[in-house]
Amino acid sequence: KTICAVMVLHRMNMIDVLKRYPEAKPHFEAVTRRFRAGGHEEGEDSSWNIYRMSCFKDCSSRFLYLLDLHLERHIFFSDEVVVVENTEGEDMYILYSGTMDVQVKGIKVGTLEGGMFF
């Protein structure tokens, strides 16, 4: 676990942008399916910038611009909890630097790296 730089996209902001750009919705659905199947972009150096992340490569520049306007940048230290287990999520987190441990009931079950999202 290291210091992590994370971009956060709040659910309601994403829904608003997707309403304006409905053609992007199928792309996001495909990205989510690919990610859940293990098709993330682990270790990609350019992951700090959503314009250069492969998961957003088919999105229009205007759509990405609107998403980027709503992203909040956060820094989490190695001893901080980003998301608490069993809480309902309303945000999308894009890890663009560092690594995070994923724990279930206090047991490490995985690691997230720059370029991954949840």
Foldseek 3Di string as FASTA:
>chain_A
DFKWKKKKAFQVLLVVLCVVVVVCVVLVVVLVVCVVVPNFDAPDLVLLQLCPQPSCVPPDPVSSVSRVVRIDIDIDGQPDDDDDPPDDDRMKMATQADKHFDDDPRHTDDMDHHRDMD
